[in-house]
Amino acid sequence: MALDDQWLVVGLGNPGPGYAGNRHNVGQMVLAELADRLSAGFKNHRTNATVAEGRTAPGGPRFVLARPATYMNVSGGPTQALLRYYDLDVSRLIVVHDELDIDFDVVRLKHGGGHGGHNGLRDIIAATGSNEFTRVRVGIGRPPGRQPAADFVLKDFSSTERKELPFLLGDAADAVEMIATDGLTAAQLRFHTAKS
């Protein structure tokens, strides 16, 4: 049964401990932060994802936090199955993902648009037949020198970045909450003016 205050939040990444600390998995790291705020653990779900559910505050919006159990480039199937299972329109979907074109430690919010070469987004757009969902874009910056982007995203954060990472994850989790409580425009106003 759909609830009019319910949101599906999908954190993109790759499964398994070998990928857990990768830059590409920052979306799943943000969901771990949100699950802590919900005091909820992730459980296996029949949609080929692990799911945690709850509210961050009494009377606040209800969140379904989902981490697809598939590789990043086939995130669309589980996302579409979750929307169907929870009877949610794609407009109630927030996708949290890494973004090469944004500096590390910066969060940007966007509704709609293309996939920008991001294979997880590409597959979600293909599977749902829509790009009309909200994205929380977590900046990981560009690779140094000539390192290929594909290698860079599959490496862990540097030791310097790891010191700042909890703040970045907290900002992204705050952004998800604010989109659900105050709307995207208010959240953009806060997060797009916070840092230059």
N, C-alpha and C. Protein backbone atom coordinates (compact mmCIF):
# COMPACT_ATOMS: atom_id res chain seq x y z
N MET A 1 0.85 -1.19 0.00
CA MET A 1 0.00 0.00 0.00
C MET A 1 0.89 1.25 0.00
N ALA A 2 0.60 2.18 -0.85
CA ALA A 2 1.42 3.39 -0.94
C ALA A 2 1.03 4.37 0.16
N LEU A 3 2.02 5.01 0.69
CA LEU A 3 1.79 6.08 1.66
C LEU A 3 2.18 7.38 0.98
N ASP A 4 1.39 8.44 1.19
CA ASP A 4 1.69 9.66 0.44
C ASP A 4 2.91 10.39 0.97
N ASP A 5 3.48 9.92 2.11
CA ASP A 5 4.69 10.56 2.61
C ASP A 5 5.89 9.62 2.48
N GLN A 6 5.76 8.60 1.63
CA GLN A 6 6.82 7.58 1.53
C GLN A 6 7.76 7.89 0.37
N TRP A 7 9.06 7.65 0.60
CA TRP A 7 10.09 7.87 -0.40
C TRP A 7 10.96 6.63 -0.53
N LEU A 8 11.29 6.28 -1.75
CA LEU A 8 12.26 5.22 -2.00
C LEU A 8 13.61 5.89 -2.26
N VAL A 9 14.60 5.54 -1.45
CA VAL A 9 15.95 6.10 -1.59
C VAL A 9 16.88 4.96 -1.98
N VAL A 10 17.43 5.02 -3.18
CA VAL A 10 18.31 3.96 -3.68
C VAL A 10 19.75 4.47 -3.67
N GLY A 11 20.61 3.75 -2.98
CA GLY A 11 22.04 4.08 -2.93
C GLY A 11 22.81 3.17 -3.88
N LEU A 12 23.50 3.77 -4.85
CA LEU A 12 24.17 2.97 -5.86
C LEU A 12 25.57 2.55 -5.41
N GLY A 13 25.97 1.38 -5.90
CA GLY A 13 27.29 0.83 -5.58
C GLY A 13 27.39 -0.57 -6.13
N ASN A 14 28.48 -1.23 -5.80
CA ASN A 14 28.69 -2.62 -6.19
C ASN A 14 28.64 -3.50 -4.95
N PRO A 15 28.17 -4.76 -5.08
CA PRO A 15 28.03 -5.61 -3.91
C PRO A 15 29.35 -6.24 -3.47
N GLY A 16 29.41 -6.62 -2.21
CA GLY A 16 30.55 -7.37 -1.71
C GLY A 16 31.57 -6.51 -1.01
N PRO A 17 32.31 -7.10 -0.05
CA PRO A 17 33.26 -6.34 0.76
C PRO A 17 34.40 -5.74 -0.03
N GLY A 18 34.76 -6.36 -1.16
CA GLY A 18 35.86 -5.84 -1.96
C GLY A 18 35.61 -4.45 -2.53
N TYR A 19 34.34 -4.10 -2.69
CA TYR A 19 33.97 -2.79 -3.26
C TYR A 19 33.54 -1.78 -2.20
N ALA A 20 33.36 -2.25 -0.97
CA ALA A 20 32.65 -1.45 0.04
C ALA A 20 33.22 -0.05 0.25
N GLY A 21 34.56 0.10 0.18
CA GLY A 21 35.17 1.41 0.43
C GLY A 21 35.44 2.22 -0.81
N ASN A 22 35.03 1.70 -1.98
CA ASN A 22 35.30 2.39 -3.25
C ASN A 22 34.54 3.71 -3.36
N ARG A 23 35.11 4.64 -4.12
CA ARG A 23 34.41 5.91 -4.40
C ARG A 23 33.05 5.64 -5.06
N HIS A 24 33.01 4.60 -5.92
CA HIS A 24 31.78 4.27 -6.65
C HIS A 24 30.65 3.86 -5.69
N ASN A 25 31.01 3.48 -4.46
CA ASN A 25 30.01 2.99 -3.50
C ASN A 25 29.57 4.06 -2.51
N VAL A 26 29.87 5.32 -2.79
CA VAL A 26 29.54 6.36 -1.83
C VAL A 26 28.02 6.46 -1.62
N GLY A 27 27.23 6.12 -2.65
CA GLY A 27 25.77 6.13 -2.49
C GLY A 27 25.32 5.16 -1.41
N GLN A 28 25.95 3.98 -1.37
CA GLN A 28 25.60 3.00 -0.35
C GLN A 28 26.09 3.44 1.03
N MET A 29 27.22 4.16 1.06
CA MET A 29 27.72 4.69 2.34
C MET A 29 26.73 5.71 2.93
N VAL A 30 26.15 6.53 2.06
CA VAL A 30 25.15 7.51 2.52
C VAL A 30 23.94 6.78 3.09
N LEU A 31 23.53 5.68 2.46
CA LEU A 31 22.39 4.93 2.97
C LEU A 31 22.68 4.31 4.33
N ALA A 32 23.93 3.89 4.55
CA ALA A 32 24.30 3.37 5.87
C ALA A 32 24.12 4.45 6.94
N GLU A 33 24.51 5.68 6.60
CA GLU A 33 24.32 6.81 7.51
C GLU A 33 22.83 7.05 7.77
N LEU A 34 22.02 7.01 6.74
CA LEU A 34 20.57 7.20 6.90
C LEU A 34 19.94 6.08 7.73
N ALA A 35 20.40 4.84 7.50
CA ALA A 35 19.86 3.71 8.27
C ALA A 35 20.17 3.88 9.76
N ASP A 36 21.36 4.41 10.07
CA ASP A 36 21.69 4.71 11.48
C ASP A 36 20.69 5.70 12.06
N ARG A 37 20.34 6.70 11.28
CA ARG A 37 19.40 7.72 11.75
C ARG A 37 17.99 7.13 11.95
N LEU A 38 17.66 6.11 11.15
CA LEU A 38 16.36 5.45 11.29
C LEU A 38 16.39 4.39 12.38
N SER A 39 17.60 4.10 12.89
CA SER A 39 17.80 2.95 13.79
C SER A 39 17.24 1.68 13.16
N ALA A 40 17.55 1.50 11.88
CA ALA A 40 17.03 0.36 11.12
C ALA A 40 18.18 -0.40 10.48
N GLY A 41 18.06 -1.72 10.47
CA GLY A 41 19.06 -2.55 9.81
C GLY A 41 18.58 -2.96 8.43
N PHE A 42 19.52 -3.26 7.55
CA PHE A 42 19.17 -3.71 6.20
C PHE A 42 18.84 -5.20 6.21
N LYS A 43 17.77 -5.55 5.53
CA LYS A 43 17.35 -6.96 5.42
C LYS A 43 17.21 -7.31 3.94
N ASN A 44 17.45 -8.57 3.62
CA ASN A 44 17.27 -9.02 2.24
C ASN A 44 15.81 -8.86 1.84
N HIS A 45 15.61 -8.41 0.61
CA HIS A 45 14.26 -8.17 0.10
C HIS A 45 14.09 -8.92 -1.20
N ARG A 46 12.88 -9.29 -1.53
CA ARG A 46 12.63 -10.11 -2.72
C ARG A 46 12.88 -9.38 -4.03
N THR A 47 13.15 -8.10 -3.97
CA THR A 47 13.42 -7.31 -5.18
C THR A 47 14.89 -7.32 -5.56
N ASN A 48 15.68 -8.24 -5.00
CA ASN A 48 17.12 -8.29 -5.28
C ASN A 48 17.83 -7.05 -4.75
N ALA A 49 17.46 -6.69 -3.53
CA ALA A 49 18.06 -5.55 -2.85
C ALA A 49 18.03 -5.83 -1.35
N THR A 50 18.83 -5.06 -0.60
CA THR A 50 18.66 -5.06 0.85
C THR A 50 17.96 -3.75 1.20
N VAL A 51 17.05 -3.83 2.16
CA VAL A 51 16.16 -2.70 2.45
C VAL A 51 16.11 -2.43 3.94
N ALA A 52 16.09 -1.15 4.30
CA ALA A 52 15.85 -0.69 5.67
C ALA A 52 14.72 0.33 5.60
N GLU A 53 13.78 0.28 6.55
CA GLU A 53 12.62 1.17 6.50
C GLU A 53 12.42 1.87 7.83
N GLY A 54 11.88 3.09 7.75
CA GLY A 54 11.53 3.80 8.97
C GLY A 54 11.44 5.30 8.74
N ARG A 55 11.28 6.00 9.85
CA ARG A 55 11.20 7.46 9.84
C ARG A 55 12.34 8.02 10.68
N THR A 56 12.90 9.16 10.26
CA THR A 56 13.98 9.75 11.05
C THR A 56 13.42 10.55 12.21
N ALA A 57 12.14 10.89 12.15
CA ALA A 57 11.50 11.63 13.25
C ALA A 57 10.03 11.21 13.31
N PRO A 58 9.43 11.19 14.50
CA PRO A 58 8.01 10.86 14.59
C PRO A 58 7.19 11.82 13.74
N GLY A 59 6.30 11.27 12.93
CA GLY A 59 5.48 12.11 12.06
C GLY A 59 6.20 12.58 10.82
N GLY A 60 7.50 12.26 10.70
CA GLY A 60 8.26 12.66 9.52
C GLY A 60 8.00 11.71 8.37
N PRO A 61 8.58 11.99 7.21
CA PRO A 61 8.37 11.13 6.06
C PRO A 61 8.92 9.72 6.31
N ARG A 62 8.33 8.75 5.65
CA ARG A 62 8.78 7.36 5.78
C ARG A 62 9.75 7.07 4.64
N PHE A 63 10.89 6.51 5.00
CA PHE A 63 11.92 6.19 4.02
C PHE A 63 12.04 4.69 3.83
N VAL A 64 12.13 4.27 2.58
CA VAL A 64 12.54 2.92 2.23
C VAL A 64 13.94 3.07 1.64
N LEU A 65 14.94 2.65 2.38
CA LEU A 65 16.33 2.75 1.92
C LEU A 65 16.69 1.43 1.25
N ALA A 66 17.18 1.48 0.03
CA ALA A 66 17.45 0.25 -0.72
C ALA A 66 18.83 0.28 -1.36
N ARG A 67 19.52 -0.83 -1.19
CA ARG A 67 20.81 -1.03 -1.85
C ARG A 67 20.66 -2.22 -2.80
N PRO A 68 20.66 -1.99 -4.11
CA PRO A 68 20.55 -3.11 -5.05
C PRO A 68 21.66 -4.13 -4.78
N ALA A 69 21.33 -5.41 -4.85
CA ALA A 69 22.31 -6.48 -4.64
C ALA A 69 23.03 -6.82 -5.93
N THR A 70 22.78 -6.03 -6.97
CA THR A 70 23.39 -6.23 -8.29
C THR A 70 24.58 -5.30 -8.45
N TYR A 71 25.32 -5.50 -9.54
CA TYR A 71 26.38 -4.54 -9.86
C TYR A 71 25.76 -3.23 -10.33
N MET A 72 26.55 -2.18 -10.18
CA MET A 72 26.10 -0.81 -10.48
C MET A 72 25.39 -0.69 -11.82
N ASN A 73 25.96 -1.31 -12.87
CA ASN A 73 25.42 -1.07 -14.22
C ASN A 73 24.11 -1.82 -14.49
N VAL A 74 23.62 -2.61 -13.52
CA VAL A 74 22.30 -3.24 -13.64
C VAL A 74 21.44 -2.91 -12.41
N SER A 75 21.52 -1.67 -11.97
CA SER A 75 20.73 -1.20 -10.81
C SER A 75 19.26 -0.99 -11.15
N GLY A 76 18.94 -0.92 -12.42
CA GLY A 76 17.58 -0.56 -12.84
C GLY A 76 16.53 -1.59 -12.48
N GLY A 77 16.86 -2.88 -12.66
CA GLY A 77 15.89 -3.95 -12.37
C GLY A 77 15.39 -3.91 -10.93
N PRO A 78 16.31 -3.94 -9.94
CA PRO A 78 15.88 -3.85 -8.56
C PRO A 78 15.13 -2.55 -8.25
N THR A 79 15.56 -1.43 -8.84
CA THR A 79 14.90 -0.15 -8.57
C THR A 79 13.46 -0.17 -9.06
N GLN A 80 13.25 -0.67 -10.30
CA GLN A 80 11.89 -0.76 -10.84
C GLN A 80 11.04 -1.71 -10.01
N ALA A 81 11.63 -2.84 -9.58
CA ALA A 81 10.89 -3.82 -8.76
C ALA A 81 10.49 -3.21 -7.41
N LEU A 82 11.35 -2.40 -6.84
CA LEU A 82 11.05 -1.73 -5.56
C LEU A 82 9.91 -0.73 -5.72
N LEU A 83 9.95 0.06 -6.79
CA LEU A 83 8.87 1.02 -7.06
C LEU A 83 7.53 0.28 -7.17
N ARG A 84 7.56 -0.85 -7.88
CA ARG A 84 6.33 -1.62 -8.05
C ARG A 84 5.87 -2.22 -6.72
N TYR A 85 6.81 -2.80 -5.97
CA TYR A 85 6.48 -3.45 -4.70
C TYR A 85 5.85 -2.47 -3.71
N TYR A 86 6.42 -1.27 -3.64
CA TYR A 86 5.92 -0.26 -2.69
C TYR A 86 4.85 0.64 -3.30
N ASP A 87 4.48 0.37 -4.55
CA ASP A 87 3.43 1.13 -5.24
C ASP A 87 3.75 2.62 -5.24
N LEU A 88 4.98 2.93 -5.67
CA LEU A 88 5.43 4.32 -5.69
C LEU A 88 5.68 4.78 -7.12
N ASP A 89 5.34 6.03 -7.37
CA ASP A 89 5.63 6.67 -8.65
C ASP A 89 7.12 7.02 -8.68
N VAL A 90 7.70 7.09 -9.87
CA VAL A 90 9.12 7.41 -10.00
C VAL A 90 9.44 8.80 -9.42
N SER A 91 8.44 9.66 -9.30
CA SER A 91 8.66 10.99 -8.70
C SER A 91 8.98 10.89 -7.21
N ARG A 92 8.73 9.72 -6.59
CA ARG A 92 9.05 9.50 -5.16
C ARG A 92 10.37 8.78 -4.99
N LEU A 93 11.17 8.74 -6.05
CA LEU A 93 12.46 8.06 -6.03
C LEU A 93 13.59 9.08 -5.89
N ILE A 94 14.50 8.82 -4.95
CA ILE A 94 15.73 9.59 -4.79
C ILE A 94 16.90 8.62 -4.99
N VAL A 95 17.76 8.91 -5.95
CA VAL A 95 18.93 8.06 -6.20
C VAL A 95 20.17 8.80 -5.70
N VAL A 96 20.94 8.12 -4.85
CA VAL A 96 22.16 8.71 -4.30
C VAL A 96 23.34 8.04 -5.01
N HIS A 97 24.21 8.85 -5.63
CA HIS A 97 25.29 8.27 -6.42
C HIS A 97 26.53 9.15 -6.43
N ASP A 98 27.65 8.54 -6.80
CA ASP A 98 28.92 9.25 -6.94
C ASP A 98 28.88 10.10 -8.20
N GLU A 99 29.63 11.21 -8.18
CA GLU A 99 29.62 12.12 -9.33
C GLU A 99 31.04 12.63 -9.56
N LEU A 100 31.64 12.23 -10.70
CA LEU A 100 33.00 12.64 -11.06
C LEU A 100 33.10 14.13 -11.35
N ASP A 101 32.03 14.72 -11.87
CA ASP A 101 32.09 16.11 -12.33
C ASP A 101 31.88 17.12 -11.21
N ILE A 102 31.83 16.64 -9.98
CA ILE A 102 31.67 17.53 -8.82
C ILE A 102 32.85 17.27 -7.88
N ASP A 103 33.42 18.34 -7.35
CA ASP A 103 34.57 18.20 -6.45
C ASP A 103 34.22 17.35 -5.24
N PHE A 104 35.23 16.65 -4.73
CA PHE A 104 35.05 15.88 -3.51
C PHE A 104 34.55 16.81 -2.40
N ASP A 105 33.68 16.30 -1.56
CA ASP A 105 33.14 17.02 -0.40
C ASP A 105 32.04 18.01 -0.77
N VAL A 106 31.48 17.90 -1.98
CA VAL A 106 30.38 18.77 -2.39
C VAL A 106 29.18 17.89 -2.76
N VAL A 107 28.01 18.32 -2.34
CA VAL A 107 26.76 17.61 -2.66
C VAL A 107 25.92 18.51 -3.56
N ARG A 108 25.42 17.96 -4.65
CA ARG A 108 24.54 18.70 -5.55
C ARG A 108 23.26 17.90 -5.79
N LEU A 109 22.15 18.60 -5.95
CA LEU A 109 20.84 17.96 -6.08
C LEU A 109 20.23 18.32 -7.42
N LYS A 110 19.53 17.35 -8.00
CA LYS A 110 19.00 17.58 -9.35
C LYS A 110 17.78 16.69 -9.55
N HIS A 111 16.81 17.19 -10.31
CA HIS A 111 15.66 16.38 -10.69
C HIS A 111 15.68 16.23 -12.21
N GLY A 112 15.52 14.99 -12.69
CA GLY A 112 15.48 14.77 -14.13
C GLY A 112 16.84 14.91 -14.78
N GLY A 113 16.83 14.97 -16.09
CA GLY A 113 18.07 15.11 -16.84
C GLY A 113 18.59 13.77 -17.32
N GLY A 114 19.74 13.81 -17.97
CA GLY A 114 20.34 12.59 -18.53
C GLY A 114 21.13 11.82 -17.49
N HIS A 115 21.88 10.82 -17.97
CA HIS A 115 22.67 10.00 -17.05
C HIS A 115 24.10 10.47 -16.94
N GLY A 116 24.53 11.37 -17.83
CA GLY A 116 25.89 11.91 -17.75
C GLY A 116 26.98 10.86 -17.80
N GLY A 117 26.70 9.73 -18.47
CA GLY A 117 27.71 8.68 -18.56
C GLY A 117 27.75 7.75 -17.36
N HIS A 118 26.88 7.99 -16.37
CA HIS A 118 26.86 7.14 -15.17
C HIS A 118 26.02 5.89 -15.46
N ASN A 119 26.68 4.72 -15.43
CA ASN A 119 25.99 3.50 -15.86
C ASN A 119 24.84 3.10 -14.95
N GLY A 120 24.94 3.40 -13.66
CA GLY A 120 23.84 3.10 -12.75
C GLY A 120 22.60 3.91 -13.10
N LEU A 121 22.80 5.21 -13.33
CA LEU A 121 21.68 6.07 -13.72
C LEU A 121 21.11 5.66 -15.07
N ARG A 122 22.01 5.33 -16.00
CA ARG A 122 21.58 4.92 -17.35
C ARG A 122 20.62 3.73 -17.24
N ASP A 123 20.97 2.75 -16.38
CA ASP A 123 20.16 1.54 -16.28
C ASP A 123 18.83 1.82 -15.56
N ILE A 124 18.85 2.70 -14.59
CA ILE A 124 17.60 3.04 -13.89
C ILE A 124 16.64 3.76 -14.84
N ILE A 125 17.16 4.69 -15.64
CA ILE A 125 16.33 5.41 -16.62
C ILE A 125 15.74 4.41 -17.62
N ALA A 126 16.57 3.46 -18.07
CA ALA A 126 16.10 2.46 -19.04
C ALA A 126 15.03 1.56 -18.43
N ALA A 127 15.25 1.12 -17.18
CA ALA A 127 14.33 0.15 -16.56
C ALA A 127 13.00 0.79 -16.15
N THR A 128 13.06 2.04 -15.70
CA THR A 128 11.82 2.70 -15.24
C THR A 128 11.12 3.42 -16.39
N GLY A 129 11.85 3.64 -17.49
CA GLY A 129 11.28 4.37 -18.62
C GLY A 129 11.11 5.85 -18.32
N SER A 130 11.85 6.33 -17.30
CA SER A 130 11.68 7.74 -16.90
C SER A 130 12.99 8.27 -16.32
N ASN A 131 13.22 9.57 -16.52
CA ASN A 131 14.34 10.24 -15.84
C ASN A 131 13.81 11.20 -14.78
N GLU A 132 12.50 11.14 -14.50
CA GLU A 132 11.86 12.12 -13.62
C GLU A 132 11.98 11.71 -12.15
N PHE A 133 13.22 11.48 -11.72
CA PHE A 133 13.47 11.22 -10.30
C PHE A 133 14.55 12.18 -9.83
N THR A 134 14.72 12.24 -8.52
CA THR A 134 15.67 13.18 -7.93
C THR A 134 17.00 12.47 -7.69
N ARG A 135 18.08 13.19 -7.94
CA ARG A 135 19.41 12.63 -7.71
C ARG A 135 20.13 13.44 -6.63
N VAL A 136 20.73 12.74 -5.70
CA VAL A 136 21.67 13.34 -4.75
C VAL A 136 23.05 12.95 -5.25
N ARG A 137 23.74 13.93 -5.82
CA ARG A 137 25.02 13.69 -6.50
C ARG A 137 26.15 14.01 -5.51
N VAL A 138 26.89 12.98 -5.14
CA VAL A 138 27.93 13.10 -4.12
C VAL A 138 29.27 13.24 -4.84
N GLY A 139 29.89 14.40 -4.70
CA GLY A 139 31.11 14.68 -5.45
C GLY A 139 32.28 13.82 -5.01
N ILE A 140 32.94 13.17 -6.00
CA ILE A 140 34.16 12.43 -5.71
C ILE A 140 35.36 13.02 -6.45
N GLY A 141 35.12 14.03 -7.29
CA GLY A 141 36.20 14.69 -8.00
C GLY A 141 36.71 13.86 -9.17
N ARG A 142 37.62 14.47 -9.90
CA ARG A 142 38.20 13.85 -11.10
C ARG A 142 39.47 13.07 -10.74
N PRO A 143 39.78 12.02 -11.50
CA PRO A 143 41.02 11.28 -11.23
C PRO A 143 42.24 12.15 -11.49
N PRO A 144 43.32 11.92 -10.73
CA PRO A 144 44.54 12.70 -10.94
C PRO A 144 45.25 12.27 -12.22
N GLY A 145 45.94 13.21 -12.85
CA GLY A 145 46.75 12.89 -14.03
C GLY A 145 45.94 12.22 -15.12
N ARG A 146 46.47 11.10 -15.61
CA ARG A 146 45.81 10.40 -16.71
C ARG A 146 45.12 9.12 -16.25
N GLN A 147 44.93 8.98 -14.97
CA GLN A 147 44.27 7.76 -14.47
C GLN A 147 42.86 7.66 -15.07
N PRO A 148 42.53 6.51 -15.66
CA PRO A 148 41.18 6.36 -16.25
C PRO A 148 40.10 6.47 -15.16
N ALA A 149 39.00 7.12 -15.53
CA ALA A 149 37.90 7.31 -14.58
C ALA A 149 37.40 5.96 -14.04
N ALA A 150 37.37 4.94 -14.90
CA ALA A 150 36.87 3.62 -14.49
C ALA A 150 37.73 3.03 -13.37
N ASP A 151 39.04 3.28 -13.42
CA ASP A 151 39.92 2.80 -12.34
C ASP A 151 39.74 3.64 -11.08
N PHE A 152 39.64 4.94 -11.27
CA PHE A 152 39.53 5.88 -10.14
C PHE A 152 38.30 5.59 -9.28
N VAL A 153 37.15 5.34 -9.92
CA VAL A 153 35.93 5.14 -9.13
C VAL A 153 35.95 3.83 -8.37
N LEU A 154 36.76 2.86 -8.84
CA LEU A 154 36.83 1.56 -8.16
C LEU A 154 37.98 1.49 -7.16
N LYS A 155 38.57 2.64 -6.83
CA LYS A 155 39.57 2.71 -5.77
C LYS A 155 38.92 3.28 -4.51
N ASP A 156 39.50 2.95 -3.37
CA ASP A 156 39.01 3.50 -2.11
C ASP A 156 39.39 4.98 -2.02
N PHE A 157 38.67 5.69 -1.17
CA PHE A 157 39.01 7.09 -0.90
C PHE A 157 40.42 7.17 -0.31
N SER A 158 41.12 8.27 -0.60
CA SER A 158 42.47 8.47 -0.06
C SER A 158 42.39 8.71 1.45
N SER A 159 43.51 8.61 2.11
CA SER A 159 43.52 8.81 3.58
C SER A 159 43.08 10.23 3.93
N THR A 160 43.47 11.21 3.10
CA THR A 160 43.04 12.60 3.35
C THR A 160 41.53 12.71 3.19
N GLU A 161 41.00 12.10 2.12
CA GLU A 161 39.56 12.15 1.88
C GLU A 161 38.79 11.44 2.99
N ARG A 162 39.35 10.34 3.51
CA ARG A 162 38.63 9.58 4.54
C ARG A 162 38.40 10.39 5.80
N LYS A 163 39.30 11.35 6.05
CA LYS A 163 39.11 12.22 7.22
C LYS A 163 37.86 13.10 7.05
N GLU A 164 37.60 13.51 5.81
CA GLU A 164 36.46 14.39 5.52
C GLU A 164 35.18 13.61 5.18
N LEU A 165 35.34 12.34 4.87
CA LEU A 165 34.22 11.55 4.36
C LEU A 165 32.99 11.54 5.27
N PRO A 166 33.15 11.41 6.61
CA PRO A 166 31.94 11.41 7.45
C PRO A 166 31.10 12.68 7.30
N PHE A 167 31.77 13.81 7.06
CA PHE A 167 31.04 15.08 6.89
C PHE A 167 30.28 15.08 5.56
N LEU A 168 30.93 14.53 4.52
CA LEU A 168 30.30 14.44 3.20
C LEU A 168 29.08 13.53 3.26
N LEU A 169 29.23 12.37 3.90
CA LEU A 169 28.11 11.43 4.02
C LEU A 169 26.97 12.06 4.82
N GLY A 170 27.33 12.80 5.87
CA GLY A 170 26.32 13.48 6.68
C GLY A 170 25.56 14.54 5.88
N ASP A 171 26.30 15.30 5.06
CA ASP A 171 25.65 16.32 4.21
C ASP A 171 24.68 15.67 3.24
N ALA A 172 25.12 14.57 2.61
CA ALA A 172 24.26 13.90 1.62
C ALA A 172 23.02 13.31 2.29
N ALA A 173 23.19 12.76 3.50
CA ALA A 173 22.04 12.22 4.24
C ALA A 173 21.09 13.36 4.63
N ASP A 174 21.65 14.49 5.04
CA ASP A 174 20.82 15.66 5.35
C ASP A 174 20.02 16.09 4.13
N ALA A 175 20.68 16.04 2.96
CA ALA A 175 20.03 16.46 1.72
C ALA A 175 18.84 15.56 1.41
N VAL A 176 19.00 14.24 1.58
CA VAL A 176 17.90 13.30 1.34
C VAL A 176 16.72 13.66 2.26
N GLU A 177 17.02 13.86 3.54
CA GLU A 177 15.95 14.19 4.50
C GLU A 177 15.26 15.49 4.13
N MET A 178 16.05 16.49 3.73
CA MET A 178 15.48 17.80 3.43
C MET A 178 14.61 17.78 2.18
N ILE A 179 15.01 16.98 1.17
CA ILE A 179 14.19 16.83 -0.04
C ILE A 179 12.81 16.31 0.35
N ALA A 180 12.79 15.32 1.26
CA ALA A 180 11.53 14.70 1.66
C ALA A 180 10.68 15.60 2.54
N THR A 181 11.32 16.42 3.37
CA THR A 181 10.54 17.24 4.31
C THR A 181 10.21 18.62 3.76
N ASP A 182 11.17 19.26 3.06
CA ASP A 182 11.00 20.66 2.64
C ASP A 182 10.91 20.85 1.14
N GLY A 183 11.18 19.78 0.38
CA GLY A 183 11.13 19.89 -1.08
C GLY A 183 12.51 20.14 -1.68
N LEU A 184 12.63 19.83 -2.96
CA LEU A 184 13.91 19.92 -3.65
C LEU A 184 14.44 21.35 -3.72
N THR A 185 13.57 22.30 -4.00
CA THR A 185 14.04 23.68 -4.16
C THR A 185 14.69 24.21 -2.90
N ALA A 186 14.07 23.96 -1.75
CA ALA A 186 14.64 24.40 -0.47
C ALA A 186 15.97 23.70 -0.20
N ALA A 187 16.02 22.41 -0.53
CA ALA A 187 17.25 21.65 -0.30
C ALA A 187 18.37 22.16 -1.22
N GLN A 188 18.02 22.47 -2.48
CA GLN A 188 19.03 23.00 -3.40
C GLN A 188 19.56 24.34 -2.90
N LEU A 189 18.67 25.17 -2.39
CA LEU A 189 19.07 26.47 -1.88
C LEU A 189 20.11 26.32 -0.79
N ARG A 190 19.88 25.34 0.08
CA ARG A 190 20.83 25.14 1.18
C ARG A 190 22.14 24.54 0.68
N PHE A 191 22.07 23.47 -0.12
CA PHE A 191 23.30 22.74 -0.44
C PHE A 191 24.07 23.36 -1.59
N HIS A 192 23.41 24.12 -2.45
CA HIS A 192 24.13 24.71 -3.58
C HIS A 192 24.78 26.03 -3.21
N THR A 193 24.41 26.59 -2.07
CA THR A 193 25.04 27.85 -1.65
C THR A 193 25.98 27.64 -0.47
N ALA A 194 25.99 26.42 0.08
CA ALA A 194 26.80 26.16 1.28
C ALA A 194 28.29 26.25 0.96
N LYS A 195 28.67 25.72 -0.21
CA LYS A 195 30.08 25.72 -0.60
C LYS A 195 30.19 26.25 -2.01
N SER A 196 31.28 26.93 -2.28
CA SER A 196 31.45 27.46 -3.64
C SER A 196 31.89 26.35 -4.57
